[in-house]
Amino acid sequence: MSKQADRAKELLPAVMLTLLSMIQALALEFYWAQLIASDFLLDGGWPALLGGLQVVVVLWGILQVWVFYVSIVLRFTWLPSLEDALTPFFVGLLEFGMIETMQPDYIGIWLLLMGGIFALMVMTARRSLVRARREPANAYFFSQVELGTWRDFKESIATVIVLVVDGIILCFWSSNGLALFALAVVILALGYQAQQTYHYWLHSIKDES
């Protein structure tokens, strides 16, 4: 392999984490500004409940995106592609859109954006792991794990479908019950993703040792 390719693989973690940390820092600053301006949280009733859950989900989602990238780029090496360089910017755009619509009146659009982030993370994980499997340096992990398929992401894909369908419905028809159901799905999905990330992190450390 050429020296340029080796250098690209060596610099990938630093470049990706530096870029993403800047985007996440801006997202958190915007999040705080929107949170302070969210007067509906003090109104009580459905607006406060749904808006409060949105606030929790957005913050959890931002943190989960960061943990996802850290767990990928620090555990594995692969030859980066143009998509690797552009994906953090698309993640940032979706996050800023979610923060901007972080209120019950825009719950439909907010769910569509959340579904977009889930879909983007699924595609990123699939693409990154396929490339990482080709690298001998990652054999410590992939020698113990079968080749992944889209079926391994069935829970995330199902989550995307639910969020998109509910988001489209709520863009045209207001339903507090449906909005609450969609938010519950997001919370369960984020909890599942956090558990999976933790599991694979421990698995990779164990195999490495």
C-alpha atoms as a PDB file:
ATOM      1  CA  MET A   1       0.000   0.000   0.000  1.00  0.00           C
ATOM      2  CA  SER A   2       1.238   3.508  -0.801  1.00  0.00           C
ATOM      3  CA  LYS A   3       2.571   5.859   1.831  1.00  0.00           C
ATOM      4  CA  GLN A   4      -0.299   8.253   1.073  1.00  0.00           C
ATOM      5  CA  ALA A   5      -2.849   5.565   1.890  1.00  0.00           C
ATOM      6  CA  ASP A   6      -1.078   4.655   5.114  1.00  0.00           C
ATOM      7  CA  ARG A   7      -0.961   8.302   6.091  1.00  0.00           C
ATOM      8  CA  ALA A   8      -4.686   8.725   5.359  1.00  0.00           C
ATOM      9  CA  LYS A   9      -5.537   5.769   7.595  1.00  0.00           C
ATOM     10  CA  GLU A  10      -3.262   7.077  10.341  1.00  0.00           C
ATOM     11  CA  LEU A  11      -4.772  10.577  10.297  1.00  0.00           C
ATOM     12  CA  LEU A  12      -8.401   9.509   9.967  1.00  0.00           C
ATOM     13  CA  PRO A  13      -9.241   9.344  13.714  1.00  0.00           C
ATOM     14  CA  ALA A  14      -7.742  12.769  14.477  1.00  0.00           C
ATOM     15  CA  VAL A  15      -9.341  14.444  11.472  1.00  0.00           C
ATOM     16  CA  MET A  16     -12.780  12.903  11.976  1.00  0.00           C
ATOM     17  CA  LEU A  17     -12.947  13.547  15.710  1.00  0.00           C
ATOM     18  CA  THR A  18     -11.657  17.103  15.371  1.00  0.00           C
ATOM     19  CA  LEU A  19     -14.189  17.885  12.660  1.00  0.00           C
ATOM     20  CA  LEU A  20     -17.068  16.240  14.487  1.00  0.00           C
ATOM     21  CA  SER A  21     -16.177  17.837  17.823  1.00  0.00           C
ATOM     22  CA  MET A  22     -16.415  21.287  16.239  1.00  0.00           C
ATOM     23  CA  ILE A  23     -19.802  20.482  14.719  1.00  0.00           C
ATOM     24  CA  GLN A  24     -21.089  18.998  17.975  1.00  0.00           C
ATOM     25  CA  ALA A  25     -19.882  22.015  19.947  1.00  0.00           C
ATOM     26  CA  LEU A  26     -21.838  24.339  17.657  1.00  0.00           C
ATOM     27  CA  ALA A  27     -24.876  22.054  17.914  1.00  0.00           C
ATOM     28  CA  LEU A  28     -24.735  22.126  21.724  1.00  0.00           C
ATOM     29  CA  GLU A  29     -24.450  25.916  21.737  1.00  0.00           C
ATOM     30  CA  PHE A  30     -27.493  26.175  19.463  1.00  0.00           C
ATOM     31  CA  TYR A  31     -29.282  23.602  21.607  1.00  0.00           C
ATOM     32  CA  TRP A  32     -28.740  25.640  24.762  1.00  0.00           C
ATOM     33  CA  ALA A  33     -30.021  28.809  23.090  1.00  0.00           C
ATOM     34  CA  GLN A  34     -33.157  27.013  21.896  1.00  0.00           C
ATOM     35  CA  LEU A  35     -33.697  25.426  25.309  1.00  0.00           C
ATOM     36  CA  ILE A  36     -33.643  28.791  27.048  1.00  0.00           C
ATOM     37  CA  ALA A  37     -36.165  30.151  24.559  1.00  0.00           C
ATOM     38  CA  SER A  38     -38.537  27.156  24.951  1.00  0.00           C
ATOM     39  CA  ASP A  39     -41.259  28.817  27.026  1.00  0.00           C
ATOM     40  CA  PHE A  40     -43.691  25.997  26.226  1.00  0.00           C
ATOM     41  CA  LEU A  41     -41.817  23.817  28.734  1.00  0.00           C
ATOM     42  CA  LEU A  42     -43.383  25.895  31.509  1.00  0.00           C
ATOM     43  CA  ASP A  43     -46.927  25.798  30.141  1.00  0.00           C
ATOM     44  CA  GLY A  44     -47.757  22.324  31.398  1.00  0.00           C
ATOM     45  CA  GLY A  45     -49.935  19.761  29.670  1.00  0.00           C
ATOM     46  CA  TRP A  46     -49.125  18.067  26.370  1.00  0.00           C
ATOM     47  CA  PRO A  47     -46.838  20.832  25.051  1.00  0.00           C
ATOM     48  CA  ALA A  48     -44.584  20.569  28.106  1.00  0.00           C
ATOM     49  CA  LEU A  49     -44.572  16.750  28.016  1.00  0.00           C
ATOM     50  CA  LEU A  50     -43.851  16.391  24.300  1.00  0.00           C
ATOM     51  CA  GLY A  51     -41.448  19.327  24.226  1.00  0.00           C
ATOM     52  CA  GLY A  52     -39.609  18.046  27.288  1.00  0.00           C
ATOM     53  CA  LEU A  53     -39.152  14.635  25.678  1.00  0.00           C
ATOM     54  CA  GLN A  54     -37.875  16.309  22.515  1.00  0.00           C
ATOM     55  CA  VAL A  55     -35.324  18.222  24.577  1.00  0.00           C
ATOM     56  CA  VAL A  56     -34.103  15.008  26.206  1.00  0.00           C
ATOM     57  CA  VAL A  57     -33.993  13.097  22.907  1.00  0.00           C
ATOM     58  CA  VAL A  58     -32.053  15.811  21.065  1.00  0.00           C
ATOM     59  CA  LEU A  59     -29.358  15.984  23.729  1.00  0.00           C
ATOM     60  CA  TRP A  60     -29.151  12.194  23.940  1.00  0.00           C
ATOM     61  CA  GLY A  61     -28.981  11.984  20.158  1.00  0.00           C
ATOM     62  CA  ILE A  62     -26.097  14.464  19.952  1.00  0.00           C
ATOM     63  CA  LEU A  63     -24.174  12.501  22.575  1.00  0.00           C
ATOM     64  CA  GLN A  64     -24.967   9.198  20.857  1.00  0.00           C
ATOM     65  CA  VAL A  65     -23.634  10.465  17.523  1.00  0.00           C
ATOM     66  CA  TRP A  66     -20.387  11.456  19.230  1.00  0.00           C
ATOM     67  CA  VAL A  67     -20.053   8.089  20.989  1.00  0.00           C
ATOM     68  CA  PHE A  68     -20.798   6.285  17.729  1.00  0.00           C
ATOM     69  CA  TYR A  69     -17.993   8.045  15.872  1.00  0.00           C
ATOM     70  CA  VAL A  70     -15.537   7.671  18.743  1.00  0.00           C
ATOM     71  CA  SER A  71     -16.249   3.950  19.005  1.00  0.00           C
ATOM     72  CA  ILE A  72     -15.738   3.450  15.264  1.00  0.00           C
ATOM     73  CA  VAL A  73     -12.630   5.514  14.526  1.00  0.00           C
ATOM     74  CA  LEU A  74     -10.733   4.609  17.699  1.00  0.00           C
ATOM     75  CA  ARG A  75     -11.302   0.855  17.392  1.00  0.00           C
ATOM     76  CA  PHE A  76     -10.822   0.342  13.668  1.00  0.00           C
ATOM     77  CA  THR A  77      -8.633   1.576  10.844  1.00  0.00           C
ATOM     78  CA  TRP A  78      -9.663   1.820   7.202  1.00  0.00           C
ATOM     79  CA  LEU A  79      -8.860   3.801   4.092  1.00  0.00           C
ATOM     80  CA  PRO A  80     -11.149   6.859   4.237  1.00  0.00           C
ATOM     81  CA  SER A  81     -13.371   7.838   1.337  1.00  0.00           C
ATOM     82  CA  LEU A  82     -15.002  11.071   0.255  1.00  0.00           C
ATOM     83  CA  GLU A  83     -18.173   9.993   2.060  1.00  0.00           C
ATOM     84  CA  ASP A  84     -16.234   9.800   5.337  1.00  0.00           C
ATOM     85  CA  ALA A  85     -15.209  13.433   4.940  1.00  0.00           C
ATOM     86  CA  LEU A  86     -18.712  14.675   4.054  1.00  0.00           C
ATOM     87  CA  THR A  87     -20.873  12.663   6.466  1.00  0.00           C
ATOM     88  CA  PRO A  88     -20.132  14.793   9.581  1.00  0.00           C
ATOM     89  CA  PHE A  89     -21.422  17.875   7.734  1.00  0.00           C
ATOM     90  CA  PHE A  90     -24.678  16.123   6.838  1.00  0.00           C
ATOM     91  CA  VAL A  91     -24.985  14.964  10.450  1.00  0.00           C
ATOM     92  CA  GLY A  92     -24.519  18.569  11.574  1.00  0.00           C
ATOM     93  CA  LEU A  93     -27.190  19.854   9.177  1.00  0.00           C
ATOM     94  CA  LEU A  94     -29.700  17.300  10.441  1.00  0.00           C
ATOM     95  CA  GLU A  95     -28.843  18.088  14.064  1.00  0.00           C
ATOM     96  CA  PHE A  96     -29.275  21.829  13.531  1.00  0.00           C
ATOM     97  CA  GLY A  97     -32.604  21.157  11.831  1.00  0.00           C
ATOM     98  CA  MET A  98     -33.737  19.027  14.767  1.00  0.00           C
ATOM     99  CA  ILE A  99     -32.756  21.696  17.252  1.00  0.00           C
ATOM    100  CA  GLU A 100     -34.543  24.397  15.239  1.00  0.00           C
ATOM    101  CA  THR A 101     -37.757  22.336  15.220  1.00  0.00           C
ATOM    102  CA  MET A 102     -37.440  21.246  18.868  1.00  0.00           C
ATOM    103  CA  GLN A 103     -41.004  22.152  19.819  1.00  0.00           C
ATOM    104  CA  PRO A 104     -44.346  20.341  19.689  1.00  0.00           C
ATOM    105  CA  ASP A 105     -45.719  22.523  16.878  1.00  0.00           C
ATOM    106  CA  TYR A 106     -43.091  21.080  14.495  1.00  0.00           C
ATOM    107  CA  ILE A 107     -43.078  17.509  15.798  1.00  0.00           C
ATOM    108  CA  GLY A 108     -43.752  16.063  12.333  1.00  0.00           C
ATOM    109  CA  ILE A 109     -40.768  17.748  10.696  1.00  0.00           C
ATOM    110  CA  TRP A 110     -38.669  16.974  13.772  1.00  0.00           C
ATOM    111  CA  LEU A 111     -39.439  13.249  13.479  1.00  0.00           C
ATOM    112  CA  LEU A 112     -38.489  13.262   9.793  1.00  0.00           C
ATOM    113  CA  LEU A 113     -35.138  14.832  10.662  1.00  0.00           C
ATOM    114  CA  MET A 114     -34.596  12.320  13.453  1.00  0.00           C
ATOM    115  CA  GLY A 115     -35.381   9.522  11.017  1.00  0.00           C
ATOM    116  CA  GLY A 116     -32.809  11.027   8.650  1.00  0.00           C
ATOM    117  CA  ILE A 117     -30.121  10.901  11.335  1.00  0.00           C
ATOM    118  CA  PHE A 118     -30.921   7.270  12.144  1.00  0.00           C
ATOM    119  CA  ALA A 119     -30.779   6.374   8.442  1.00  0.00           C
ATOM    120  CA  LEU A 120     -27.482   8.220   7.986  1.00  0.00           C
ATOM    121  CA  MET A 121     -25.932   6.474  10.988  1.00  0.00           C
ATOM    122  CA  VAL A 122     -27.036   3.063   9.715  1.00  0.00           C
ATOM    123  CA  MET A 123     -25.481   3.695   6.304  1.00  0.00           C
ATOM    124  CA  THR A 124     -22.306   5.101   7.878  1.00  0.00           C
ATOM    125  CA  ALA A 125     -21.923   2.124  10.208  1.00  0.00           C
ATOM    126  CA  ARG A 126     -22.484  -0.373   7.396  1.00  0.00           C
ATOM    127  CA  ARG A 127     -20.048   1.377   5.035  1.00  0.00           C
ATOM    128  CA  SER A 128     -17.342   1.860   7.665  1.00  0.00           C
ATOM    129  CA  LEU A 129     -17.474  -1.695   8.968  1.00  0.00           C
ATOM    130  CA  VAL A 130     -17.309  -3.174   5.466  1.00  0.00           C
ATOM    131  CA  ARG A 131     -14.133  -1.164   4.771  1.00  0.00           C
ATOM    132  CA  ALA A 132     -12.666  -1.904   8.193  1.00  0.00           C
ATOM    133  CA  ARG A 133     -13.099  -5.647   7.686  1.00  0.00           C
ATOM    134  CA  ARG A 134     -10.690  -5.497   4.722  1.00  0.00           C
ATOM    135  CA  GLU A 135      -7.844  -4.213   6.894  1.00  0.00           C
ATOM    136  CA  PRO A 136      -5.573  -6.850   8.542  1.00  0.00           C
ATOM    137  CA  ALA A 137      -5.143  -4.590  11.568  1.00  0.00           C
ATOM    138  CA  ASN A 138      -8.804  -5.135  12.443  1.00  0.00           C
ATOM    139  CA  ALA A 139      -8.625  -8.926  12.352  1.00  0.00           C
ATOM    140  CA  TYR A 140      -8.632  -9.045  16.178  1.00  0.00           C
ATOM    141  CA  PHE A 141     -12.299  -8.047  16.035  1.00  0.00           C
ATOM    142  CA  PHE A 142     -13.677  -9.291  12.726  1.00  0.00           C
ATOM    143  CA  SER A 143     -12.129 -12.748  13.026  1.00  0.00           C
ATOM    144  CA  GLN A 144     -14.660 -13.340  15.809  1.00  0.00           C
ATOM    145  CA  VAL A 145     -17.602 -11.634  14.092  1.00  0.00           C
ATOM    146  CA  GLU A 146     -19.454 -12.869  11.031  1.00  0.00           C
ATOM    147  CA  LEU A 147     -19.831 -10.674   7.966  1.00  0.00           C
ATOM    148  CA  GLY A 148     -22.630  -8.253   8.720  1.00  0.00           C
ATOM    149  CA  THR A 149     -25.676  -7.819   6.518  1.00  0.00           C
ATOM    150  CA  TRP A 150     -28.487  -5.292   6.414  1.00  0.00           C
ATOM    151  CA  ARG A 151     -30.448  -7.674   8.633  1.00  0.00           C
ATOM    152  CA  ASP A 152     -28.083  -6.764  11.463  1.00  0.00           C
ATOM    153  CA  PHE A 153     -29.537  -3.251  11.299  1.00  0.00           C
ATOM    154  CA  LYS A 154     -33.179  -4.347  11.189  1.00  0.00           C
ATOM    155  CA  GLU A 155     -34.019  -2.608  14.471  1.00  0.00           C
ATOM    156  CA  SER A 156     -32.595   0.698  13.264  1.00  0.00           C
ATOM    157  CA  ILE A 157     -34.257   0.333   9.857  1.00  0.00           C
ATOM    158  CA  ALA A 158     -37.595  -0.360  11.555  1.00  0.00           C
ATOM    159  CA  THR A 159     -37.069   2.746  13.692  1.00  0.00           C
ATOM    160  CA  VAL A 160     -36.436   4.861  10.600  1.00  0.00           C
ATOM    161  CA  ILE A 161     -39.636   3.579   8.978  1.00  0.00           C
ATOM    162  CA  VAL A 162     -41.716   4.313  12.083  1.00  0.00           C
ATOM    163  CA  LEU A 163     -40.291   7.816  12.443  1.00  0.00           C
ATOM    164  CA  VAL A 164     -40.760   8.696   8.779  1.00  0.00           C
ATOM    165  CA  VAL A 165     -44.338   7.384   8.645  1.00  0.00           C
ATOM    166  CA  ASP A 166     -45.301   9.068  11.925  1.00  0.00           C
ATOM    167  CA  GLY A 167     -43.537  12.259  10.861  1.00  0.00           C
ATOM    168  CA  ILE A 168     -45.458  12.437   7.584  1.00  0.00           C
ATOM    169  CA  ILE A 169     -48.764  11.807   9.374  1.00  0.00           C
ATOM    170  CA  LEU A 170     -48.062  14.434  12.037  1.00  0.00           C
ATOM    171  CA  CYS A 171     -47.142  17.015   9.394  1.00  0.00           C
ATOM    172  CA  PHE A 172     -50.787  16.953   8.273  1.00  0.00           C
ATOM    173  CA  TRP A 173     -52.690  15.708  11.313  1.00  0.00           C
ATOM    174  CA  SER A 174     -52.115  16.625  14.952  1.00  0.00           C
ATOM    175  CA  SER A 175     -52.179  13.739  17.418  1.00  0.00           C
ATOM    176  CA  ASN A 176     -50.609  13.930  20.857  1.00  0.00           C
ATOM    177  CA  GLY A 177     -50.882  10.175  21.301  1.00  0.00           C
ATOM    178  CA  LEU A 178     -49.086   9.415  18.053  1.00  0.00           C
ATOM    179  CA  ALA A 179     -46.392  11.977  18.851  1.00  0.00           C
ATOM    180  CA  LEU A 180     -45.861  10.406  22.271  1.00  0.00           C
ATOM    181  CA  PHE A 181     -45.623   6.948  20.686  1.00  0.00           C
ATOM    182  CA  ALA A 182     -43.002   8.156  18.186  1.00  0.00           C
ATOM    183  CA  LEU A 183     -40.960   9.765  20.955  1.00  0.00           C
ATOM    184  CA  ALA A 184     -41.097   6.525  22.954  1.00  0.00           C
ATOM    185  CA  VAL A 185     -39.796   4.652  19.903  1.00  0.00           C
ATOM    186  CA  VAL A 186     -36.891   7.098  19.608  1.00  0.00           C
ATOM    187  CA  ILE A 187     -35.990   6.739  23.289  1.00  0.00           C
ATOM    188  CA  LEU A 188     -36.063   2.941  23.079  1.00  0.00           C
ATOM    189  CA  ALA A 189     -33.977   3.010  19.884  1.00  0.00           C
ATOM    190  CA  LEU A 190     -31.374   5.302  21.426  1.00  0.00           C
ATOM    191  CA  GLY A 191     -31.197   3.075  24.482  1.00  0.00           C
ATOM    192  CA  TYR A 192     -30.725   0.012  22.282  1.00  0.00           C
ATOM    193  CA  GLN A 193     -27.989   1.724  20.243  1.00  0.00           C
ATOM    194  CA  ALA A 194     -26.195   2.784  23.423  1.00  0.00           C
ATOM    195  CA  GLN A 195     -26.296  -0.791  24.704  1.00  0.00           C
ATOM    196  CA  GLN A 196     -25.001  -2.158  21.394  1.00  0.00           C
ATOM    197  CA  THR A 197     -22.165   0.368  21.261  1.00  0.00           C
ATOM    198  CA  TYR A 198     -21.130  -0.547  24.799  1.00  0.00           C
ATOM    199  CA  HIS A 199     -21.293  -4.273  24.003  1.00  0.00           C
ATOM    200  CA  TYR A 200     -19.128  -4.054  20.884  1.00  0.00           C
ATOM    201  CA  TRP A 201     -16.658  -1.741  22.613  1.00  0.00           C
ATOM    202  CA  LEU A 202     -16.101  -4.309  25.381  1.00  0.00           C
ATOM    203  CA  HIS A 203     -15.970  -7.092  22.804  1.00  0.00           C
ATOM    204  CA  SER A 204     -13.225  -5.376  20.821  1.00  0.00           C
ATOM    205  CA  ILE A 205     -11.171  -4.630  23.938  1.00  0.00           C
ATOM    206  CA  LYS A 206     -11.451  -8.228  25.070  1.00  0.00           C
ATOM    207  CA  ASP A 207     -10.379  -9.577  21.692  1.00  0.00           C
ATOM    208  CA  GLU A 208      -7.520  -7.091  21.493  1.00  0.00           C
ATOM    209  CA  SER A 209      -6.136  -8.238  24.819  1.00  0.00           C
END
